Protein backbone atom coordinates (compact mmCIF):
# COMPACT_ATOMS: atom_id res chain seq x y z
CA UNK A 1 0.00 0.00 0.00
CA UNK A 2 1.68 3.13 -1.21
CA UNK A 3 -0.55 5.87 0.22
CA UNK A 4 -3.47 6.46 2.55
CA UNK A 5 -7.01 6.08 1.27
CA UNK A 6 -10.34 7.30 2.58
CA UNK A 7 -12.93 4.56 3.00
CA UNK A 8 -16.64 5.07 3.67
CA UNK A 9 -18.11 2.52 6.07
CA UNK A 10 -21.64 1.22 5.54
CA UNK A 11 -22.78 3.45 8.43
CA UNK A 12 -21.57 6.53 6.49
CA UNK A 13 -18.50 7.25 8.62
CA UNK A 14 -15.28 7.85 6.67
CA UNK A 15 -12.04 6.33 7.97
CA UNK A 16 -8.47 6.58 6.75
CA UNK A 17 -6.66 3.35 5.83
CA UNK A 18 -2.90 3.36 5.54
CA UNK A 19 0.19 1.28 6.13
CA UNK A 20 1.29 0.95 9.75
CA UNK A 21 4.85 2.08 10.32
CA UNK A 22 7.21 1.94 13.27
CA UNK A 23 6.14 5.45 14.27
CA UNK A 24 2.62 4.05 14.88
CA UNK A 25 3.79 1.77 17.71
CA UNK A 26 2.04 3.79 20.45
CA UNK A 27 -1.25 3.87 18.48
CA UNK A 28 -1.04 0.09 17.96
CA UNK A 29 -0.45 -0.62 21.66
CA UNK A 30 -3.33 1.69 22.62
CA UNK A 31 -5.51 -0.13 20.06
CA UNK A 32 -4.63 -3.56 21.47
CA UNK A 33 -5.38 -2.42 25.02
CA UNK A 34 -8.85 -1.30 23.91
CA UNK A 35 -9.41 -4.27 21.59
CA UNK A 36 -8.65 -6.81 24.33
CA UNK A 37 -11.33 -5.27 26.56
CA UNK A 38 -13.98 -5.95 23.89
CA UNK A 39 -15.91 -9.15 23.18
CA UNK A 40 -14.17 -9.81 19.85
CA UNK A 41 -10.78 -10.36 21.49
CA UNK A 42 -11.75 -13.80 22.73
CA UNK A 43 -11.78 -15.00 19.12
CA UNK A 44 -8.13 -13.96 18.59
CA UNK A 45 -4.77 -14.72 20.21
CA UNK A 46 -4.93 -11.33 21.96
CA UNK A 47 -5.97 -11.32 25.62
CA UNK A 48 -6.96 -8.86 28.33
CA UNK A 49 -4.05 -7.55 30.39
CA UNK A 50 -1.34 -8.72 28.01
CA UNK A 51 1.91 -6.79 28.19
CA UNK A 52 2.75 -4.37 25.40
CA UNK A 53 4.67 -5.94 22.56
CA UNK A 54 8.40 -5.25 22.40
CA UNK A 55 8.82 -1.89 20.67
CA UNK A 56 12.00 -2.67 18.73
CA UNK A 57 10.70 -6.03 17.48
CA UNK A 58 7.34 -4.48 16.56
CA UNK A 59 9.02 -1.73 14.55
CA UNK A 60 11.11 -4.34 12.71
CA UNK A 61 7.97 -6.32 11.87
CA UNK A 62 6.05 -3.23 10.64
CA UNK A 63 8.98 -2.25 8.41
CA UNK A 64 9.72 -5.77 7.07
CA UNK A 65 9.31 -5.83 3.26
CA UNK A 66 7.92 -9.40 3.53
CA UNK A 67 4.93 -8.13 5.52
CA UNK A 68 2.21 -5.54 5.29
CA UNK A 69 0.46 -4.10 8.34
CA UNK A 70 -2.49 -1.86 7.54
CA UNK A 71 -4.54 0.21 9.96
CA UNK A 72 -7.82 2.10 9.79
CA UNK A 73 -8.06 5.36 11.71
CA UNK A 74 -11.21 7.16 12.76
CA UNK A 75 -9.68 10.61 13.22
CA UNK A 76 -6.59 9.96 15.33
CA UNK A 77 -7.87 6.67 16.77
CA UNK A 78 -6.73 3.33 15.33
CA UNK A 79 -9.89 1.21 15.04
CA UNK A 80 -8.79 -1.86 13.08
CA UNK A 81 -5.80 -3.68 11.66
CA UNK A 82 -4.98 -6.26 9.01
CA UNK A 83 -1.71 -7.91 8.23
CA UNK A 84 -0.10 -10.33 5.83
CA UNK A 85 3.30 -11.90 6.27
CA UNK A 86 5.12 -14.22 3.93
CA UNK A 87 5.94 -17.52 5.60
CA UNK A 88 9.61 -18.47 5.25
CA UNK A 89 10.23 -15.58 2.87
CA UNK A 90 13.03 -16.37 0.47
CA UNK A 91 12.76 -20.14 0.93
CA UNK A 92 12.60 -21.69 -2.56
CA UNK A 93 9.85 -24.16 -1.66
CA UNK A 94 7.54 -22.21 0.61
CA UNK A 95 8.20 -18.50 0.18
CA UNK A 96 4.99 -17.94 -1.77
CA UNK A 97 2.68 -18.67 1.17
CA UNK A 98 1.46 -15.89 3.46
CA UNK A 99 -0.57 -15.76 6.66
CA UNK A 100 -3.24 -13.11 7.14
CA UNK A 101 -5.16 -11.74 10.11
CA UNK A 102 -7.69 -8.96 10.74
CA UNK A 103 -8.99 -7.38 13.94
CA UNK A 104 -11.19 -4.38 14.65
CA UNK A 105 -13.00 -2.74 17.50
CA UNK A 106 -16.50 -4.16 17.99
CA UNK A 107 -18.33 -0.94 17.11
CA UNK A 108 -16.71 -0.95 13.65
CA UNK A 109 -17.57 -4.52 12.64
CA UNK A 110 -20.15 -5.35 9.95
CA UNK A 111 -19.45 -2.07 8.15
CA UNK A 112 -17.40 -3.34 5.19
CA UNK A 113 -14.00 -2.69 6.77
CA UNK A 114 -13.07 -6.39 7.00
CA UNK A 115 -13.80 -6.86 3.30
CA UNK A 116 -11.78 -3.75 2.43
CA UNK A 117 -8.86 -5.02 4.52
CA UNK A 118 -8.96 -8.39 2.70
CA UNK A 119 -8.93 -6.61 -0.68
CA UNK A 120 -5.86 -4.56 0.32
CA UNK A 121 -4.08 -7.65 1.65
CA UNK A 122 -4.85 -9.64 -1.49
CA UNK A 123 -3.60 -6.83 -3.75
CA UNK A 124 -0.31 -6.74 -1.80
CA UNK A 125 -0.09 -10.54 -2.04
CA UNK A 126 -0.47 -10.49 -5.83
CA UNK A 127 2.10 -7.69 -6.15
CA UNK A 128 4.53 -9.71 -4.00
CA UNK A 129 4.21 -13.03 -5.83
CA UNK A 130 2.22 -14.80 -3.11
CA UNK A 131 0.41 -17.92 -4.31
CA UNK A 132 -1.51 -19.05 -1.20
CA UNK A 133 -3.18 -16.98 1.53
CA UNK A 134 -3.79 -18.73 4.84
CA UNK A 135 -5.84 -17.73 7.87
CA UNK A 136 -7.19 -19.30 11.03
CA UNK A 137 -10.59 -18.65 12.61
CA UNK A 138 -12.10 -20.02 15.81
CA UNK A 139 -15.14 -22.12 14.97
CA UNK A 140 -17.66 -19.89 16.79
CA UNK A 141 -16.41 -16.70 15.15
CA UNK A 142 -19.18 -16.84 12.57
CA UNK A 143 -18.74 -13.23 11.42
CA UNK A 144 -15.06 -13.66 10.47
CA UNK A 145 -15.63 -17.11 9.04
CA UNK A 146 -18.44 -15.81 6.82
CA UNK A 147 -16.29 -12.89 5.66
CA UNK A 148 -13.41 -15.16 4.67
CA UNK A 149 -15.69 -17.60 2.86
CA UNK A 150 -17.30 -14.67 1.02
CA UNK A 151 -13.81 -13.53 -0.04
CA UNK A 152 -13.10 -16.92 -1.65
CA UNK A 153 -11.27 -18.73 1.16
CA UNK A 154 -11.96 -22.44 1.70
CA UNK A 155 -11.81 -24.45 4.92
CA UNK A 156 -8.94 -26.91 4.49
CA UNK A 157 -8.56 -28.27 8.01
CA UNK A 158 -9.25 -27.99 11.72
CA UNK A 159 -7.02 -27.70 14.77
CA UNK A 160 -9.00 -29.14 17.65
CA UNK A 161 -9.12 -27.68 21.17
CA UNK A 162 -6.83 -24.70 20.49
CA UNK A 163 -8.42 -22.40 23.08
CA UNK A 164 -10.45 -22.79 26.28
CA UNK A 165 -13.02 -19.96 26.17
CA UNK A 166 -16.05 -19.45 28.42
CA UNK A 167 -15.66 -22.92 29.91
CA UNK A 168 -15.41 -24.85 26.66
CA UNK A 169 -12.78 -25.90 24.14
CA UNK A 170 -12.81 -24.19 20.77
CA UNK A 171 -11.51 -25.45 17.45
CA UNK A 172 -9.74 -23.36 14.85
CA UNK A 173 -10.63 -23.66 11.19
CA UNK A 174 -7.71 -23.39 8.79
CA UNK A 175 -8.61 -21.52 5.61
CA UNK A 176 -6.75 -20.96 2.37
CA UNK A 177 -7.22 -19.02 -0.80
CA UNK A 178 -5.23 -19.88 -3.92
CA UNK A 179 -4.53 -16.67 -5.83
CA UNK A 180 -3.41 -18.21 -9.12
CA UNK A 181 -3.16 -21.62 -10.63
């Protein structure tokens, strides 16, 4: 993603979507602290009260040319993120596979932002010679699962009992999307 874009949510609100850089570290940590207090966090690997991520490592990750981290801002508030990272970048056998993830604050869900994030991620993947996109979704996260299926991902497997949430074990669906044949 070369420059910021304005995106109109289904509710009419306009947000700014742009690449996350190392200078956004404080916004990202503030976002995660708020995100983990919301109900959607239980469907991710984020958790309430987690320590801030290491600043130097985070900056390296945001600036890595084998990854793209994108954020959506409502004014000066980060309200959602998406990322894609090549797995084993540079490896001759597996360097064309990338993992993706998307999170957003609860009040911004179901407004088209997840779909827009997936479109941006897929464009970056095509520009960077990625062949397979992979993602994982907890089995009760119907909203995210539906969004990925709508975007052309297919369920290719299940990891059983990956998280103990609200007194029960949850499975994680593994999804893939082949970009070219």
